[in-house]
PDB file of N, CA and C in Angstrom:
ATOM      1  N   MET A   1     -26.832  -8.637   7.193  1.00  0.00           N
ATOM      2  CA  MET A   1     -25.687  -9.511   7.309  1.00  0.00           C
ATOM      3  C   MET A   1     -24.449  -8.924   6.625  1.00  0.00           C
ATOM      4  N   LYS A   2     -24.627  -8.158   5.584  1.00  0.00           N
ATOM      5  CA  LYS A   2     -23.476  -7.628   4.867  1.00  0.00           C
ATOM      6  C   LYS A   2     -22.692  -6.629   5.709  1.00  0.00           C
ATOM      7  N   SER A   3     -23.352  -6.037   6.713  1.00  0.00           N
ATOM      8  CA  SER A   3     -22.668  -5.054   7.535  1.00  0.00           C
ATOM      9  C   SER A   3     -21.766  -5.711   8.577  1.00  0.00           C
ATOM     10  N   ILE A   4     -21.903  -7.010   8.773  1.00  0.00           N
ATOM     11  CA  ILE A   4     -21.075  -7.713   9.747  1.00  0.00           C
ATOM     12  C   ILE A   4     -19.708  -7.989   9.125  1.00  0.00           C
ATOM     13  N   GLU A   5     -18.663  -7.589   9.813  1.00  0.00           N
ATOM     14  CA  GLU A   5     -17.300  -7.822   9.331  1.00  0.00           C
ATOM     15  C   GLU A   5     -16.839  -9.189   9.830  1.00  0.00           C
ATOM     16  N   LEU A   6     -16.647 -10.105   8.907  1.00  0.00           N
ATOM     17  CA  LEU A   6     -16.251 -11.469   9.265  1.00  0.00           C
ATOM     18  C   LEU A   6     -14.737 -11.618   9.201  1.00  0.00           C
ATOM     19  N   ARG A   7     -14.220 -12.434  10.112  1.00  0.00           N
ATOM     20  CA  ARG A   7     -12.795 -12.757  10.070  1.00  0.00           C
ATOM     21  C   ARG A   7     -12.545 -13.713   8.908  1.00  0.00           C
ATOM     22  N   PRO A   8     -11.327 -13.764   8.396  1.00  0.00           N
ATOM     23  CA  PRO A   8     -11.024 -14.639   7.256  1.00  0.00           C
ATOM     24  C   PRO A   8     -11.400 -16.103   7.513  1.00  0.00           C
ATOM     25  N   ILE A   9     -11.178 -16.602   8.719  1.00  0.00           N
ATOM     26  CA  ILE A   9     -11.508 -18.001   9.002  1.00  0.00           C
ATOM     27  C   ILE A   9     -13.017 -18.236   8.915  1.00  0.00           C
ATOM     28  N   GLU A  10     -13.806 -17.240   9.327  1.00  0.00           N
ATOM     29  CA  GLU A  10     -15.260 -17.362   9.232  1.00  0.00           C
ATOM     30  C   GLU A  10     -15.715 -17.352   7.781  1.00  0.00           C
ATOM     31  N   ARG A  11     -15.093 -16.492   6.970  1.00  0.00           N
ATOM     32  CA  ARG A  11     -15.426 -16.462   5.538  1.00  0.00           C
ATOM     33  C   ARG A  11     -15.066 -17.794   4.879  1.00  0.00           C
ATOM     34  N   ALA A  12     -13.949 -18.388   5.277  1.00  0.00           N
ATOM     35  CA  ALA A  12     -13.524 -19.680   4.722  1.00  0.00           C
ATOM     36  C   ALA A  12     -14.514 -20.776   5.095  1.00  0.00           C
ATOM     37  N   LYS A  13     -14.987 -20.760   6.331  1.00  0.00           N
ATOM     38  CA  LYS A  13     -15.973 -21.767   6.766  1.00  0.00           C
ATOM     39  C   LYS A  13     -17.269 -21.646   5.972  1.00  0.00           C
ATOM     40  N   ILE A  14     -17.711 -20.416   5.757  1.00  0.00           N
ATOM     41  CA  ILE A  14     -18.935 -20.201   4.989  1.00  0.00           C
ATOM     42  C   ILE A  14     -18.747 -20.657   3.551  1.00  0.00           C
ATOM     43  N   SER A  15     -17.604 -20.368   2.977  1.00  0.00           N
ATOM     44  CA  SER A  15     -17.306 -20.789   1.607  1.00  0.00           C
ATOM     45  C   SER A  15     -17.320 -22.315   1.489  1.00  0.00           C
ATOM     46  N   CYS A  16     -16.706 -22.986   2.440  1.00  0.00           N
ATOM     47  CA  CYS A  16     -16.689 -24.458   2.434  1.00  0.00           C
ATOM     48  C   CYS A  16     -18.097 -25.020   2.577  1.00  0.00           C
ATOM     49  N   ALA A  17     -18.901 -24.423   3.437  1.00  0.00           N
ATOM     50  CA  ALA A  17     -20.277 -24.886   3.631  1.00  0.00           C
ATOM     51  C   ALA A  17     -21.093 -24.720   2.357  1.00  0.00           C
ATOM     52  N   LYS A  18     -20.910 -23.597   1.656  1.00  0.00           N
ATOM     53  CA  LYS A  18     -21.625 -23.373   0.403  1.00  0.00           C
ATOM     54  C   LYS A  18     -21.263 -24.451  -0.612  1.00  0.00           C
ATOM     55  N   LYS A  19     -19.971 -24.766  -0.720  1.00  0.00           N
ATOM     56  CA  LYS A  19     -19.530 -25.802  -1.660  1.00  0.00           C
ATOM     57  C   LYS A  19     -20.105 -27.157  -1.281  1.00  0.00           C
ATOM     58  N   LEU A  20     -20.108 -27.473  -0.001  1.00  0.00           N
ATOM     59  CA  LEU A  20     -20.642 -28.751   0.459  1.00  0.00           C
ATOM     60  C   LEU A  20     -22.120 -28.879   0.118  1.00  0.00           C
ATOM     61  N   PHE A  21     -22.904 -27.843   0.435  1.00  0.00           N
ATOM     62  CA  PHE A  21     -24.340 -27.915   0.158  1.00  0.00           C
ATOM     63  C   PHE A  21     -24.630 -27.934  -1.334  1.00  0.00           C
ATOM     64  N   ASN A  22     -23.841 -27.235  -2.136  1.00  0.00           N
ATOM     65  CA  ASN A  22     -24.021 -27.308  -3.582  1.00  0.00           C
ATOM     66  C   ASN A  22     -23.723 -28.707  -4.093  1.00  0.00           C
ATOM     67  N   ASP A  23     -22.702 -29.355  -3.551  1.00  0.00           N
ATOM     68  CA  ASP A  23     -22.371 -30.719  -3.952  1.00  0.00           C
ATOM     69  C   ASP A  23     -23.456 -31.702  -3.538  1.00  0.00           C
ATOM     70  N   MET A  24     -24.148 -31.415  -2.444  1.00  0.00           N
ATOM     71  CA  MET A  24     -25.191 -32.302  -1.951  1.00  0.00           C
ATOM     72  C   MET A  24     -26.521 -32.096  -2.680  1.00  0.00           C
ATOM     73  N   SER A  25     -26.635 -31.036  -3.451  1.00  0.00           N
ATOM     74  CA  SER A  25     -27.875 -30.756  -4.174  1.00  0.00           C
ATOM     75  C   SER A  25     -28.148 -31.861  -5.182  1.00  0.00           C
ATOM     76  N   THR A  26     -29.416 -32.227  -5.292  1.00  0.00           N
ATOM     77  CA  THR A  26     -29.849 -33.235  -6.256  1.00  0.00           C
ATOM     78  C   THR A  26     -31.032 -32.667  -7.029  1.00  0.00           C
ATOM     79  N   SER A  27     -31.644 -33.493  -7.852  1.00  0.00           N
ATOM     80  CA  SER A  27     -32.832 -33.029  -8.574  1.00  0.00           C
ATOM     81  C   SER A  27     -34.009 -32.829  -7.624  1.00  0.00           C
ATOM     82  N   LYS A  28     -33.976 -33.481  -6.464  1.00  0.00           N
ATOM     83  CA  LYS A  28     -35.066 -33.360  -5.497  1.00  0.00           C
ATOM     84  C   LYS A  28     -34.770 -32.346  -4.400  1.00  0.00           C
ATOM     85  N   VAL A  29     -33.495 -32.106  -4.121  1.00  0.00           N
ATOM     86  CA  VAL A  29     -33.099 -31.175  -3.060  1.00  0.00           C
ATOM     87  C   VAL A  29     -32.102 -30.189  -3.650  1.00  0.00           C
ATOM     88  N   LYS A  30     -32.450 -28.903  -3.599  1.00  0.00           N
ATOM     89  CA  LYS A  30     -31.580 -27.867  -4.149  1.00  0.00           C
ATOM     90  C   LYS A  30     -31.153 -26.909  -3.053  1.00  0.00           C
ATOM     91  N   TYR A  31     -29.903 -26.525  -3.090  1.00  0.00           N
ATOM     92  CA  TYR A  31     -29.363 -25.532  -2.170  1.00  0.00           C
ATOM     93  C   TYR A  31     -29.583 -24.148  -2.760  1.00  0.00           C
ATOM     94  N   HIS A  32     -30.138 -23.261  -1.963  1.00  0.00           N
ATOM     95  CA  HIS A  32     -30.302 -21.860  -2.345  1.00  0.00           C
ATOM     96  C   HIS A  32     -29.817 -21.003  -1.199  1.00  0.00           C
ATOM     97  N   GLU A  33     -29.091 -19.972  -1.519  1.00  0.00           N
ATOM     98  CA  GLU A  33     -28.634 -19.038  -0.500  1.00  0.00           C
ATOM     99  C   GLU A  33     -29.685 -17.943  -0.359  1.00  0.00           C
ATOM    100  N   VAL A  34     -30.225 -17.789   0.840  1.00  0.00           N
ATOM    101  CA  VAL A  34     -31.234 -16.756   1.084  1.00  0.00           C
ATOM    102  C   VAL A  34     -30.794 -15.883   2.255  1.00  0.00           C
ATOM    103  N   ASP A  35     -31.153 -14.620   2.183  1.00  0.00           N
ATOM    104  CA  ASP A  35     -30.823 -13.703   3.267  1.00  0.00           C
ATOM    105  C   ASP A  35     -32.055 -12.968   3.783  1.00  0.00           C
ATOM    106  N   SER A  36     -33.225 -13.392   3.296  1.00  0.00           N
ATOM    107  CA  SER A  36     -34.462 -12.795   3.793  1.00  0.00           C
ATOM    108  C   SER A  36     -35.608 -13.786   3.575  1.00  0.00           C
ATOM    109  N   TYR A  37     -36.657 -13.568   4.328  1.00  0.00           N
ATOM    110  CA  TYR A  37     -37.842 -14.412   4.193  1.00  0.00           C
ATOM    111  C   TYR A  37     -38.459 -14.236   2.815  1.00  0.00           C
ATOM    112  N   GLN A  38     -38.453 -13.017   2.310  1.00  0.00           N
ATOM    113  CA  GLN A  38     -39.029 -12.755   0.995  1.00  0.00           C
ATOM    114  C   GLN A  38     -38.281 -13.511  -0.101  1.00  0.00           C
ATOM    115  N   LYS A  39     -36.975 -13.554  -0.016  1.00  0.00           N
ATOM    116  CA  LYS A  39     -36.188 -14.291  -1.013  1.00  0.00           C
ATOM    117  C   LYS A  39     -36.520 -15.780  -0.947  1.00  0.00           C
ATOM    118  N   LEU A  40     -36.702 -16.302   0.262  1.00  0.00           N
ATOM    119  CA  LEU A  40     -37.107 -17.702   0.419  1.00  0.00           C
ATOM    120  C   LEU A  40     -38.463 -17.948  -0.237  1.00  0.00           C
ATOM    121  N   LEU A  41     -39.411 -17.063   0.014  1.00  0.00           N
ATOM    122  CA  LEU A  41     -40.737 -17.209  -0.594  1.00  0.00           C
ATOM    123  C   LEU A  41     -40.658 -17.164  -2.125  1.00  0.00           C
ATOM    124  N   ASN A  42     -39.846 -16.264  -2.657  1.00  0.00           N
ATOM    125  CA  ASN A  42     -39.696 -16.172  -4.115  1.00  0.00           C
ATOM    126  C   ASN A  42     -39.146 -17.473  -4.692  1.00  0.00           C
ATOM    127  N   ILE A  43     -38.175 -18.058  -4.029  1.00  0.00           N
ATOM    128  CA  ILE A  43     -37.600 -19.326  -4.506  1.00  0.00           C
ATOM    129  C   ILE A  43     -38.633 -20.430  -4.423  1.00  0.00           C
ATOM    130  N   MET A  44     -39.343 -20.503  -3.313  1.00  0.00           N
ATOM    131  CA  MET A  44     -40.341 -21.555  -3.132  1.00  0.00           C
ATOM    132  C   MET A  44     -41.466 -21.430  -4.171  1.00  0.00           C
ATOM    133  N   ASN A  45     -41.861 -20.215  -4.492  1.00  0.00           N
ATOM    134  CA  ASN A  45     -42.927 -20.010  -5.481  1.00  0.00           C
ATOM    135  C   ASN A  45     -42.469 -20.343  -6.894  1.00  0.00           C
ATOM    136  N   SER A  46     -41.159 -20.288  -7.128  1.00  0.00           N
ATOM    137  CA  SER A  46     -40.659 -20.566  -8.481  1.00  0.00           C
ATOM    138  C   SER A  46     -40.479 -22.059  -8.744  1.00  0.00           C
ATOM    139  N   LEU A  47     -40.599 -22.879  -7.699  1.00  0.00           N
ATOM    140  CA  LEU A  47     -40.410 -24.329  -7.881  1.00  0.00           C
ATOM    141  C   LEU A  47     -41.632 -25.007  -8.408  1.00  0.00           C
TER     142      LEU A  47
END
C-alpha cells in the first residue's frame, strides 16, 4: 500500500476516517490500523 501514490483528497479522506474510528473506539471496541493479516493476528493475540 505504501507504494501507491494517493492524491491529497484521498489522504484527507483516510485521515478523517482514522479520526472517526478512533473517536468511536470504546473499552469493548478498539480501532487498530492493520496492513497485513499477520499484523491483525498479532493484535488479536494481544487482546
